[in-house]
Amino acid sequence: MLSIEGLYKRFGDKEVIKGLNLHVPKKSIYGFVGTNGAGKTTTMKMVLGLLQADAGTILVDGERVTYGNTTTNRGIGYLPDVPEFYPFMTTREYLGLCGKICGLSEHEAQNRADELLTRVGLAQERHRIKGFSRGMKQRLGIAQALINRPKLLICDEPTSALDPVGRKEILDIIKDVREETTVLFSTHILSDVERICTDVAFLKDGVIALQGTIDDVRGINQSAEFMVETVSTEDVAGLCSHFPNAKPTGSQTVSFAGNDEAMLAVMAYLSEQNIPVLKVERAETSLEDLFMEVTKHE
């Protein structure tokens, strides 16, 4: 759905994007991850034709993006990190206006507005937008971004300033639209990516340090640790005394460093000693650990 090749962008003497390559599959929820100031918003604005790239190509569904007047935006919905609205309007008035701007008839725009307001949980809201909370504005922002049934939905850090309840609501809405559109989801919150994304890219120093499906990316750096949870607290001391690489992590849990061969040795010992256990599992590499590893400064 989105293909970026050799993208560069400089502001004065600061080069922000330095040869970025990014490929977003259709019907994916693609996590675009980087620290604050990494260049995520700059990249998204070039995709939208709002900033001119110094070099490189951007294709949306095979059509090239042109700075300043790009027809590709007809198939894109955009939710900025801080959406702005006409505060004197109601939700239906605002979405009706957005629908007409997108070329819908007044009847089509109102039907679409009613459908989207139900989806984002604002169907019963009759007040003017000026009294809305941040979470309500984010939900309305997603509704306006979906008004034209876009092929690509771009969300720029939609959960960064929300409380846990608001974050979950927004993430649930984004996850729900995957069957209708491809989502490019910019964030620095790794737990949000793990919750809803199918694919991810890590941005470091203006280039993509790592990208792929969530499963493939996790598999690159398979954890070399595993954990055993015993039934009895007394067995923890016995395991630690027998295995030099073992360390207690709780009253009934022991952590081991090692590969599959080491895990099999521990399991054989448990069987030989008739030690009952509740759980034996390999520690899963978190996206946060992987992100810190691939983006660390030398």
C-alpha atoms as a PDB file:
ATOM      1  CA  MET A   1       0.000   0.000   0.000  1.00  0.00           C
ATOM      2  CA  LEU A   2       2.852   2.388   0.832  1.00  0.00           C
ATOM      3  CA  SER A   3       6.348   2.180  -0.627  1.00  0.00           C
ATOM      4  CA  ILE A   4       9.140   4.637   0.215  1.00  0.00           C
ATOM      5  CA  GLU A   5      12.561   4.403  -1.429  1.00  0.00           C
ATOM      6  CA  GLY A   6      15.676   6.482  -0.758  1.00  0.00           C
ATOM      7  CA  LEU A   7      13.886   9.306   1.077  1.00  0.00           C
ATOM      8  CA  TYR A   8      15.936  12.305   2.264  1.00  0.00           C
ATOM      9  CA  LYS A   9      14.917  15.497   4.067  1.00  0.00           C
ATOM     10  CA  ARG A  10      17.063  18.289   5.475  1.00  0.00           C
ATOM     11  CA  PHE A  11      16.083  21.345   7.517  1.00  0.00           C
ATOM     12  CA  GLY A  12      18.914  23.866   7.251  1.00  0.00           C
ATOM     13  CA  ASP A  13      22.120  22.084   8.246  1.00  0.00           C
ATOM     14  CA  LYS A  14      20.256  19.232   9.983  1.00  0.00           C
ATOM     15  CA  GLU A  15      19.550  16.115   7.939  1.00  0.00           C
ATOM     16  CA  VAL A  16      16.502  14.477   9.508  1.00  0.00           C
ATOM     17  CA  ILE A  17      15.711  11.694   7.017  1.00  0.00           C
ATOM     18  CA  LYS A  18      18.773   9.977   5.523  1.00  0.00           C
ATOM     19  CA  GLY A  19      17.802   7.468   2.860  1.00  0.00           C
ATOM     20  CA  LEU A  20      14.690   5.943   4.398  1.00  0.00           C
ATOM     21  CA  ASN A  21      13.149   2.806   2.843  1.00  0.00           C
ATOM     22  CA  LEU A  22       9.743   1.637   4.080  1.00  0.00           C
ATOM     23  CA  HIS A  23       7.241  -0.889   2.717  1.00  0.00           C
ATOM     24  CA  VAL A  24       3.755  -1.182   4.230  1.00  0.00           C
ATOM     25  CA  PRO A  25       1.672  -4.229   3.140  1.00  0.00           C
ATOM     26  CA  LYS A  26      -2.014  -3.855   2.329  1.00  0.00           C
ATOM     27  CA  LYS A  27      -4.501  -4.476   5.174  1.00  0.00           C
ATOM     28  CA  SER A  28      -1.751  -4.312   7.798  1.00  0.00           C
ATOM     29  CA  ILE A  29      -1.555  -2.234  10.963  1.00  0.00           C
ATOM     30  CA  TYR A  30       1.987  -0.958  10.635  1.00  0.00           C
ATOM     31  CA  GLY A  31       3.753   0.391  13.694  1.00  0.00           C
ATOM     32  CA  PHE A  32       6.179   3.193  12.784  1.00  0.00           C
ATOM     33  CA  VAL A  33       8.307   3.420  15.916  1.00  0.00           C
ATOM     34  CA  GLY A  34      10.909   5.963  16.955  1.00  0.00           C
ATOM     35  CA  THR A  35      11.836   8.263  19.810  1.00  0.00           C
ATOM     36  CA  ASN A  36      10.489  11.812  19.921  1.00  0.00           C
ATOM     37  CA  GLY A  37      12.214  13.827  17.204  1.00  0.00           C
ATOM     38  CA  ALA A  38      13.264  10.741  15.219  1.00  0.00           C
ATOM     39  CA  GLY A  39      11.532  11.957  12.054  1.00  0.00           C
ATOM     40  CA  LYS A  40       8.218  10.081  12.141  1.00  0.00           C
ATOM     41  CA  THR A  41       6.028  13.149  11.623  1.00  0.00           C
ATOM     42  CA  THR A  42       8.374  14.535   8.958  1.00  0.00           C
ATOM     43  CA  THR A  43       8.072  11.271   7.024  1.00  0.00           C
ATOM     44  CA  MET A  44       4.283  11.250   7.314  1.00  0.00           C
ATOM     45  CA  LYS A  45       4.002  14.831   6.083  1.00  0.00           C
ATOM     46  CA  MET A  46       6.051  13.910   3.010  1.00  0.00           C
ATOM     47  CA  VAL A  47       3.695  10.961   2.397  1.00  0.00           C
ATOM     48  CA  LEU A  48       0.819  13.458   2.538  1.00  0.00           C
ATOM     49  CA  GLY A  49       2.574  15.874   0.156  1.00  0.00           C
ATOM     50  CA  LEU A  50       2.749  18.565   2.829  1.00  0.00           C
ATOM     51  CA  LEU A  51       6.564  18.615   2.864  1.00  0.00           C
ATOM     52  CA  GLN A  52       8.842  18.379  -0.148  1.00  0.00           C
ATOM     53  CA  ALA A  53      11.407  15.584  -0.067  1.00  0.00           C
ATOM     54  CA  ASP A  54      14.978  16.438  -1.029  1.00  0.00           C
ATOM     55  CA  ALA A  55      15.286  13.049  -2.771  1.00  0.00           C
ATOM     56  CA  GLY A  56      13.500   9.723  -3.032  1.00  0.00           C
ATOM     57  CA  THR A  57      10.140   8.372  -4.164  1.00  0.00           C
ATOM     58  CA  ILE A  58       6.889   7.729  -2.312  1.00  0.00           C
ATOM     59  CA  LEU A  59       4.168   5.532  -3.818  1.00  0.00           C
ATOM     60  CA  VAL A  60       0.664   5.123  -2.364  1.00  0.00           C
ATOM     61  CA  ASP A  61      -1.069   2.090  -3.885  1.00  0.00           C
ATOM     62  CA  GLY A  62       1.317   2.367  -6.831  1.00  0.00           C
ATOM     63  CA  GLU A  63       0.699   6.091  -7.467  1.00  0.00           C
ATOM     64  CA  ARG A  64       3.520   8.580  -6.933  1.00  0.00           C
ATOM     65  CA  VAL A  65       3.109  11.312  -4.305  1.00  0.00           C
ATOM     66  CA  THR A  66       3.604  14.845  -5.633  1.00  0.00           C
ATOM     67  CA  TYR A  67       4.441  17.674  -3.248  1.00  0.00           C
ATOM     68  CA  GLY A  68       1.808  20.379  -2.837  1.00  0.00           C
ATOM     69  CA  ASN A  69      -0.945  18.966  -5.027  1.00  0.00           C
ATOM     70  CA  THR A  70      -1.046  15.190  -4.835  1.00  0.00           C
ATOM     71  CA  THR A  71      -4.020  13.143  -6.012  1.00  0.00           C
ATOM     72  CA  THR A  72      -2.950  10.282  -3.726  1.00  0.00           C
ATOM     73  CA  ASN A  73      -4.539  12.082  -0.760  1.00  0.00           C
ATOM     74  CA  ARG A  74      -7.971  11.169  -2.139  1.00  0.00           C
ATOM     75  CA  GLY A  75      -7.303   7.684  -0.808  1.00  0.00           C
ATOM     76  CA  ILE A  76      -5.689   8.702   2.504  1.00  0.00           C
ATOM     77  CA  GLY A  77      -7.178   9.497   5.902  1.00  0.00           C
ATOM     78  CA  TYR A  78      -5.015  11.438   8.356  1.00  0.00           C
ATOM     79  CA  LEU A  79      -5.173  11.821  12.130  1.00  0.00           C
ATOM     80  CA  PRO A  80      -2.489  14.263  13.372  1.00  0.00           C
ATOM     81  CA  ASP A  81      -1.078  14.014  16.879  1.00  0.00           C
ATOM     82  CA  VAL A  82      -3.131  17.050  17.983  1.00  0.00           C
ATOM     83  CA  PRO A  83      -6.261  17.273  15.780  1.00  0.00           C
ATOM     84  CA  GLU A  84      -7.941  20.670  15.477  1.00  0.00           C
ATOM     85  CA  PHE A  85     -11.651  21.314  14.911  1.00  0.00           C
ATOM     86  CA  TYR A  86     -14.126  24.152  14.555  1.00  0.00           C
ATOM     87  CA  PRO A  87     -15.128  24.430  18.236  1.00  0.00           C
ATOM     88  CA  PHE A  88     -18.539  25.957  17.523  1.00  0.00           C
ATOM     89  CA  MET A  89     -19.688  22.898  15.541  1.00  0.00           C
ATOM     90  CA  THR A  90     -21.297  19.683  16.716  1.00  0.00           C
ATOM     91  CA  THR A  91     -19.853  16.320  15.678  1.00  0.00           C
ATOM     92  CA  ARG A  92     -22.447  15.818  12.938  1.00  0.00           C
ATOM     93  CA  GLU A  93     -21.967  19.319  11.567  1.00  0.00           C
ATOM     94  CA  TYR A  94     -18.202  18.823  11.428  1.00  0.00           C
ATOM     95  CA  LEU A  95     -18.295  15.373   9.835  1.00  0.00           C
ATOM     96  CA  GLY A  96     -20.956  16.547   7.401  1.00  0.00           C
ATOM     97  CA  LEU A  97     -18.603  19.336   6.303  1.00  0.00           C
ATOM     98  CA  CYS A  98     -15.694  16.877   5.963  1.00  0.00           C
ATOM     99  CA  GLY A  99     -17.876  14.568   3.874  1.00  0.00           C
ATOM    100  CA  LYS A 100     -18.870  17.333   1.463  1.00  0.00           C
ATOM    101  CA  ILE A 101     -15.198  18.399   1.123  1.00  0.00           C
ATOM    102  CA  CYS A 102     -14.453  14.788   0.124  1.00  0.00           C
ATOM    103  CA  GLY A 103     -17.126  14.939  -2.577  1.00  0.00           C
ATOM    104  CA  LEU A 104     -19.999  13.189  -0.808  1.00  0.00           C
ATOM    105  CA  SER A 105     -23.549  14.426  -1.268  1.00  0.00           C
ATOM    106  CA  GLU A 106     -25.206  15.957   1.796  1.00  0.00           C
ATOM    107  CA  HIS A 107     -27.266  12.787   2.282  1.00  0.00           C
ATOM    108  CA  GLU A 108     -24.213  10.527   1.910  1.00  0.00           C
ATOM    109  CA  ALA A 109     -22.158  12.711   4.256  1.00  0.00           C
ATOM    110  CA  GLN A 110     -24.782  12.573   7.015  1.00  0.00           C
ATOM    111  CA  ASN A 111     -25.245   8.808   6.683  1.00  0.00           C
ATOM    112  CA  ARG A 112     -21.498   8.303   6.829  1.00  0.00           C
ATOM    113  CA  ALA A 113     -21.256  10.659   9.830  1.00  0.00           C
ATOM    114  CA  ASP A 114     -23.909   8.691  11.725  1.00  0.00           C
ATOM    115  CA  GLU A 115     -22.148   5.403  10.924  1.00  0.00           C
ATOM    116  CA  LEU A 116     -18.740   6.653  12.083  1.00  0.00           C
ATOM    117  CA  LEU A 117     -20.002   8.385  15.221  1.00  0.00           C
ATOM    118  CA  THR A 118     -21.566   5.075  16.285  1.00  0.00           C
ATOM    119  CA  ARG A 119     -18.276   3.291  15.592  1.00  0.00           C
ATOM    120  CA  VAL A 120     -16.191   5.717  17.687  1.00  0.00           C
ATOM    121  CA  GLY A 121     -18.707   5.941  20.530  1.00  0.00           C
ATOM    122  CA  LEU A 122     -19.915   9.504  19.983  1.00  0.00           C
ATOM    123  CA  ALA A 123     -23.383   8.801  18.545  1.00  0.00           C
ATOM    124  CA  GLN A 124     -25.176  10.245  21.587  1.00  0.00           C
ATOM    125  CA  GLU A 125     -22.951  13.328  21.862  1.00  0.00           C
ATOM    126  CA  ARG A 126     -24.902  16.507  21.033  1.00  0.00           C
ATOM    127  CA  HIS A 127     -22.632  19.170  22.563  1.00  0.00           C
ATOM    128  CA  ARG A 128     -20.318  21.470  20.646  1.00  0.00           C
ATOM    129  CA  ILE A 129     -16.762  20.283  20.115  1.00  0.00           C
ATOM    130  CA  LYS A 130     -15.247  23.052  22.272  1.00  0.00           C
ATOM    131  CA  GLY A 131     -16.218  21.128  25.421  1.00  0.00           C
ATOM    132  CA  PHE A 132     -14.674  17.815  24.350  1.00  0.00           C
ATOM    133  CA  SER A 133     -11.949  16.004  26.278  1.00  0.00           C
ATOM    134  CA  ARG A 134      -8.684  14.970  24.582  1.00  0.00           C
ATOM    135  CA  GLY A 135      -9.941  11.411  24.220  1.00  0.00           C
ATOM    136  CA  MET A 136     -13.223  12.523  22.630  1.00  0.00           C
ATOM    137  CA  LYS A 137     -11.300  14.699  20.162  1.00  0.00           C
ATOM    138  CA  GLN A 138      -9.084  11.750  19.223  1.00  0.00           C
ATOM    139  CA  ARG A 139     -12.154   9.612  18.565  1.00  0.00           C
ATOM    140  CA  LEU A 140     -13.714  12.370  16.458  1.00  0.00           C
ATOM    141  CA  GLY A 141     -10.369  12.727  14.667  1.00  0.00           C
ATOM    142  CA  ILE A 142     -10.448   9.058  13.665  1.00  0.00           C
ATOM    143  CA  ALA A 143     -14.024   9.480  12.422  1.00  0.00           C
ATOM    144  CA  GLN A 144     -13.040  12.411  10.170  1.00  0.00           C
ATOM    145  CA  ALA A 145     -10.005  10.462   8.902  1.00  0.00           C
ATOM    146  CA  LEU A 146     -12.311   7.599   7.847  1.00  0.00           C
ATOM    147  CA  ILE A 147     -15.030   9.742   6.265  1.00  0.00           C
ATOM    148  CA  ASN A 148     -13.807   9.100   2.687  1.00  0.00           C
ATOM    149  CA  ARG A 149     -13.278   5.333   3.183  1.00  0.00           C
ATOM    150  CA  PRO A 150      -9.510   5.663   2.719  1.00  0.00           C
ATOM    151  CA  LYS A 151      -7.185   2.968   1.408  1.00  0.00           C
ATOM    152  CA  LEU A 152      -4.518   4.195   3.853  1.00  0.00           C
ATOM    153  CA  LEU A 153      -5.146   5.591   7.336  1.00  0.00           C
ATOM    154  CA  ILE A 154      -2.217   7.540   8.838  1.00  0.00           C
ATOM    155  CA  CYS A 155      -2.284   8.041  12.613  1.00  0.00           C
ATOM    156  CA  ASP A 156       0.454  10.203  14.136  1.00  0.00           C
ATOM    157  CA  GLU A 157       0.924   9.225  17.795  1.00  0.00           C
ATOM    158  CA  PRO A 158      -2.836   9.004  18.480  1.00  0.00           C
ATOM    159  CA  THR A 159      -2.459   7.697  22.059  1.00  0.00           C
ATOM    160  CA  SER A 160       0.535   9.649  23.378  1.00  0.00           C
ATOM    161  CA  ALA A 161      -1.419  12.059  25.614  1.00  0.00           C
ATOM    162  CA  LEU A 162      -4.264   9.774  26.693  1.00  0.00           C
ATOM    163  CA  ASP A 163      -4.929   7.959  29.955  1.00  0.00           C
ATOM    164  CA  PRO A 164      -5.019   4.108  29.941  1.00  0.00           C
ATOM    165  CA  VAL A 165      -8.779   3.965  29.308  1.00  0.00           C
ATOM    166  CA  GLY A 166      -8.571   6.469  26.447  1.00  0.00           C
ATOM    167  CA  ARG A 167      -5.602   4.640  24.927  1.00  0.00           C
ATOM    168  CA  LYS A 168      -7.448   1.326  24.936  1.00  0.00           C
ATOM    169  CA  GLU A 169     -10.500   2.900  23.295  1.00  0.00           C
ATOM    170  CA  ILE A 170      -8.443   4.433  20.478  1.00  0.00           C
ATOM    171  CA  LEU A 171      -6.427   1.244  19.925  1.00  0.00           C
ATOM    172  CA  ASP A 172      -9.612  -0.843  19.766  1.00  0.00           C
ATOM    173  CA  ILE A 173     -11.047   1.490  17.105  1.00  0.00           C
ATOM    174  CA  ILE A 174      -7.852   1.348  15.024  1.00  0.00           C
ATOM    175  CA  LYS A 175      -7.734  -2.440  15.283  1.00  0.00           C
ATOM    176  CA  ASP A 176     -11.382  -2.637  14.223  1.00  0.00           C
ATOM    177  CA  VAL A 177     -10.828  -0.816  10.905  1.00  0.00           C
ATOM    178  CA  ARG A 178      -8.070  -3.146   9.659  1.00  0.00           C
ATOM    179  CA  GLU A 179     -10.455  -5.081   7.371  1.00  0.00           C
ATOM    180  CA  GLU A 180     -11.353  -1.840   5.576  1.00  0.00           C
ATOM    181  CA  THR A 181      -8.046  -0.007   5.319  1.00  0.00           C
ATOM    182  CA  THR A 182      -4.291  -0.191   5.807  1.00  0.00           C
ATOM    183  CA  VAL A 183      -3.077   1.655   8.917  1.00  0.00           C
ATOM    184  CA  LEU A 184       0.276   3.395   9.374  1.00  0.00           C
ATOM    185  CA  PHE A 185       0.528   3.978  13.103  1.00  0.00           C
ATOM    186  CA  SER A 186       3.279   6.263  14.393  1.00  0.00           C
ATOM    187  CA  THR A 187       4.195   5.935  18.066  1.00  0.00           C
ATOM    188  CA  HIS A 188       6.925   5.707  20.673  1.00  0.00           C
ATOM    189  CA  ILE A 189       4.793   3.506  22.962  1.00  0.00           C
ATOM    190  CA  LEU A 190       5.942  -0.079  22.354  1.00  0.00           C
ATOM    191  CA  SER A 191       3.103  -1.694  24.303  1.00  0.00           C
ATOM    192  CA  ASP A 192       0.599  -0.141  21.871  1.00  0.00           C
ATOM    193  CA  VAL A 193       2.458  -1.713  18.954  1.00  0.00           C
ATOM    194  CA  GLU A 194       2.460  -5.135  20.636  1.00  0.00           C
ATOM    195  CA  ARG A 195      -1.264  -4.826  21.283  1.00  0.00           C
ATOM    196  CA  ILE A 196      -2.563  -4.112  17.758  1.00  0.00           C
ATOM    197  CA  CYS A 197       0.147  -4.051  15.070  1.00  0.00           C
ATOM    198  CA  THR A 198       0.826  -6.772  12.504  1.00  0.00           C
ATOM    199  CA  ASP A 199       4.091  -5.205  11.280  1.00  0.00           C
ATOM    200  CA  VAL A 200       6.639  -2.773  12.676  1.00  0.00           C
ATOM    201  CA  ALA A 201       9.565  -0.572  11.623  1.00  0.00           C
ATOM    202  CA  PHE A 202      12.137   0.985  13.968  1.00  0.00           C
ATOM    203  CA  LEU A 203      13.388   4.426  12.934  1.00  0.00           C
ATOM    204  CA  LYS A 204      16.897   5.434  14.002  1.00  0.00           C
ATOM    205  CA  ASP A 205      18.985   8.401  12.811  1.00  0.00           C
ATOM    206  CA  GLY A 206      16.757   9.017   9.788  1.00  0.00           C
ATOM    207  CA  VAL A 207      16.802   5.428   8.465  1.00  0.00           C
ATOM    208  CA  ILE A 208      14.890   2.220   9.183  1.00  0.00           C
ATOM    209  CA  ALA A 209      17.005   0.115  11.524  1.00  0.00           C
ATOM    210  CA  LEU A 210      14.657  -2.891  11.382  1.00  0.00           C
ATOM    211  CA  GLN A 211      11.298  -3.730   9.791  1.00  0.00           C
ATOM    212  CA  GLY A 212       9.065  -6.760   9.264  1.00  0.00           C
ATOM    213  CA  THR A 213       6.135  -8.618  10.777  1.00  0.00           C
ATOM    214  CA  ILE A 214       5.915  -8.620  14.561  1.00  0.00           C
ATOM    215  CA  ASP A 215       6.708 -12.352  14.700  1.00  0.00           C
ATOM    216  CA  ASP A 216       9.679 -12.056  12.328  1.00  0.00           C
ATOM    217  CA  VAL A 217      11.133  -9.103  14.212  1.00  0.00           C
ATOM    218  CA  ARG A 218      10.825 -10.888  17.555  1.00  0.00           C
ATOM    219  CA  GLY A 219      12.488 -13.967  16.077  1.00  0.00           C
ATOM    220  CA  ILE A 220      15.605 -12.021  15.080  1.00  0.00           C
ATOM    221  CA  ASN A 221      16.773 -11.788  18.678  1.00  0.00           C
ATOM    222  CA  GLN A 222      15.421 -14.891  20.378  1.00  0.00           C
ATOM    223  CA  SER A 223      15.770 -14.720  24.127  1.00  0.00           C
ATOM    224  CA  ALA A 224      18.506 -16.880  25.688  1.00  0.00           C
ATOM    225  CA  GLU A 225      16.704 -17.151  29.021  1.00  0.00           C
ATOM    226  CA  PHE A 226      14.050 -19.503  30.357  1.00  0.00           C
ATOM    227  CA  MET A 227      12.141 -19.718  33.619  1.00  0.00           C
ATOM    228  CA  VAL A 228      11.014 -22.559  35.896  1.00  0.00           C
ATOM    229  CA  GLU A 229       8.206 -22.163  38.423  1.00  0.00           C
ATOM    230  CA  THR A 230       8.210 -24.837  41.104  1.00  0.00           C
ATOM    231  CA  VAL A 231       5.424 -26.050  43.381  1.00  0.00           C
ATOM    232  CA  SER A 232       7.600 -25.931  46.489  1.00  0.00           C
ATOM    233  CA  THR A 233       9.750 -22.993  47.618  1.00  0.00           C
ATOM    234  CA  GLU A 234      12.386 -25.436  48.910  1.00  0.00           C
ATOM    235  CA  ASP A 235      13.139 -26.632  45.373  1.00  0.00           C
ATOM    236  CA  VAL A 236      14.328 -23.166  44.302  1.00  0.00           C
ATOM    237  CA  ALA A 237      17.432 -23.411  46.493  1.00  0.00           C
ATOM    238  CA  GLY A 238      18.186 -26.894  45.170  1.00  0.00           C
ATOM    239  CA  LEU A 239      18.032 -25.755  41.542  1.00  0.00           C
ATOM    240  CA  CYS A 240      20.257 -22.759  42.244  1.00  0.00           C
ATOM    241  CA  SER A 241      22.871 -24.903  43.978  1.00  0.00           C
ATOM    242  CA  HIS A 242      22.936 -27.493  41.172  1.00  0.00           C
ATOM    243  CA  PHE A 243      22.994 -25.073  38.196  1.00  0.00           C
ATOM    244  CA  PRO A 244      25.589 -22.250  38.360  1.00  0.00           C
ATOM    245  CA  ASN A 245      23.695 -20.145  35.788  1.00  0.00           C
ATOM    246  CA  ALA A 246      20.446 -20.191  37.792  1.00  0.00           C
ATOM    247  CA  LYS A 247      19.165 -17.260  39.806  1.00  0.00           C
ATOM    248  CA  PRO A 248      16.019 -16.982  41.926  1.00  0.00           C
ATOM    249  CA  THR A 249      13.498 -14.420  40.673  1.00  0.00           C
ATOM    250  CA  GLY A 250      10.776 -15.164  43.214  1.00  0.00           C
ATOM    251  CA  SER A 251       9.881 -17.504  46.041  1.00  0.00           C
ATOM    252  CA  GLN A 252       8.964 -20.253  43.530  1.00  0.00           C
ATOM    253  CA  THR A 253      10.648 -19.112  40.296  1.00  0.00           C
ATOM    254  CA  VAL A 254      14.150 -19.583  38.932  1.00  0.00           C
ATOM    255  CA  SER A 255      15.651 -17.965  35.840  1.00  0.00           C
ATOM    256  CA  PHE A 256      18.270 -19.747  33.697  1.00  0.00           C
ATOM    257  CA  ALA A 257      20.558 -18.422  30.961  1.00  0.00           C
ATOM    258  CA  GLY A 258      21.025 -20.831  28.086  1.00  0.00           C
ATOM    259  CA  ASN A 259      19.805 -22.338  24.834  1.00  0.00           C
ATOM    260  CA  ASP A 260      17.446 -25.264  24.225  1.00  0.00           C
ATOM    261  CA  GLU A 261      20.140 -27.745  25.270  1.00  0.00           C
ATOM    262  CA  ALA A 262      20.416 -26.041  28.660  1.00  0.00           C
ATOM    263  CA  MET A 263      16.645 -26.118  29.050  1.00  0.00           C
ATOM    264  CA  LEU A 264      16.565 -29.854  28.300  1.00  0.00           C
ATOM    265  CA  ALA A 265      19.267 -30.437  30.943  1.00  0.00           C
ATOM    266  CA  VAL A 266      17.181 -28.615  33.551  1.00  0.00           C
ATOM    267  CA  MET A 267      14.050 -30.558  32.583  1.00  0.00           C
ATOM    268  CA  ALA A 268      15.980 -33.844  32.827  1.00  0.00           C
ATOM    269  CA  TYR A 269      17.149 -32.890  36.336  1.00  0.00           C
ATOM    270  CA  LEU A 270      13.585 -32.017  37.366  1.00  0.00           C
ATOM    271  CA  SER A 271      12.439 -35.441  36.154  1.00  0.00           C
ATOM    272  CA  GLU A 272      15.294 -37.343  37.828  1.00  0.00           C
ATOM    273  CA  GLN A 273      14.708 -35.589  41.159  1.00  0.00           C
ATOM    274  CA  ASN A 274      10.899 -35.877  40.908  1.00  0.00           C
ATOM    275  CA  ILE A 275      10.551 -32.105  41.381  1.00  0.00           C
ATOM    276  CA  PRO A 276       6.990 -31.007  40.539  1.00  0.00           C
ATOM    277  CA  VAL A 277       6.745 -27.771  38.563  1.00  0.00           C
ATOM    278  CA  LEU A 278       3.967 -25.409  37.584  1.00  0.00           C
ATOM    279  CA  LYS A 279       5.634 -23.942  34.508  1.00  0.00           C
ATOM    280  CA  VAL A 280       8.709 -24.100  32.272  1.00  0.00           C
ATOM    281  CA  GLU A 281       8.864 -21.415  29.580  1.00  0.00           C
ATOM    282  CA  ARG A 282      11.337 -19.475  27.490  1.00  0.00           C
ATOM    283  CA  ALA A 283      11.333 -15.741  28.101  1.00  0.00           C
ATOM    284  CA  GLU A 284       9.924 -13.873  25.099  1.00  0.00           C
ATOM    285  CA  THR A 285      11.894 -10.938  23.749  1.00  0.00           C
ATOM    286  CA  SER A 286       9.776  -7.792  24.150  1.00  0.00           C
ATOM    287  CA  LEU A 287       9.617  -5.159  21.429  1.00  0.00           C
ATOM    288  CA  GLU A 288      10.912  -2.668  23.963  1.00  0.00           C
ATOM    289  CA  ASP A 289      14.067  -4.736  24.568  1.00  0.00           C
ATOM    290  CA  LEU A 290      14.562  -5.205  20.837  1.00  0.00           C
ATOM    291  CA  PHE A 291      14.005  -1.520  20.102  1.00  0.00           C
ATOM    292  CA  MET A 292      16.574  -0.505  22.714  1.00  0.00           C
ATOM    293  CA  GLU A 293      19.045  -2.992  21.235  1.00  0.00           C
ATOM    294  CA  VAL A 294      18.755  -1.952  17.568  1.00  0.00           C
ATOM    295  CA  THR A 295      18.564   1.795  18.213  1.00  0.00           C
ATOM    296  CA  LYS A 296      21.258   2.112  20.866  1.00  0.00           C
ATOM    297  CA  HIS A 297      24.014   4.618  20.122  1.00  0.00           C
ATOM    298  CA  GLU A 298      27.479   3.238  19.594  1.00  0.00           C
END
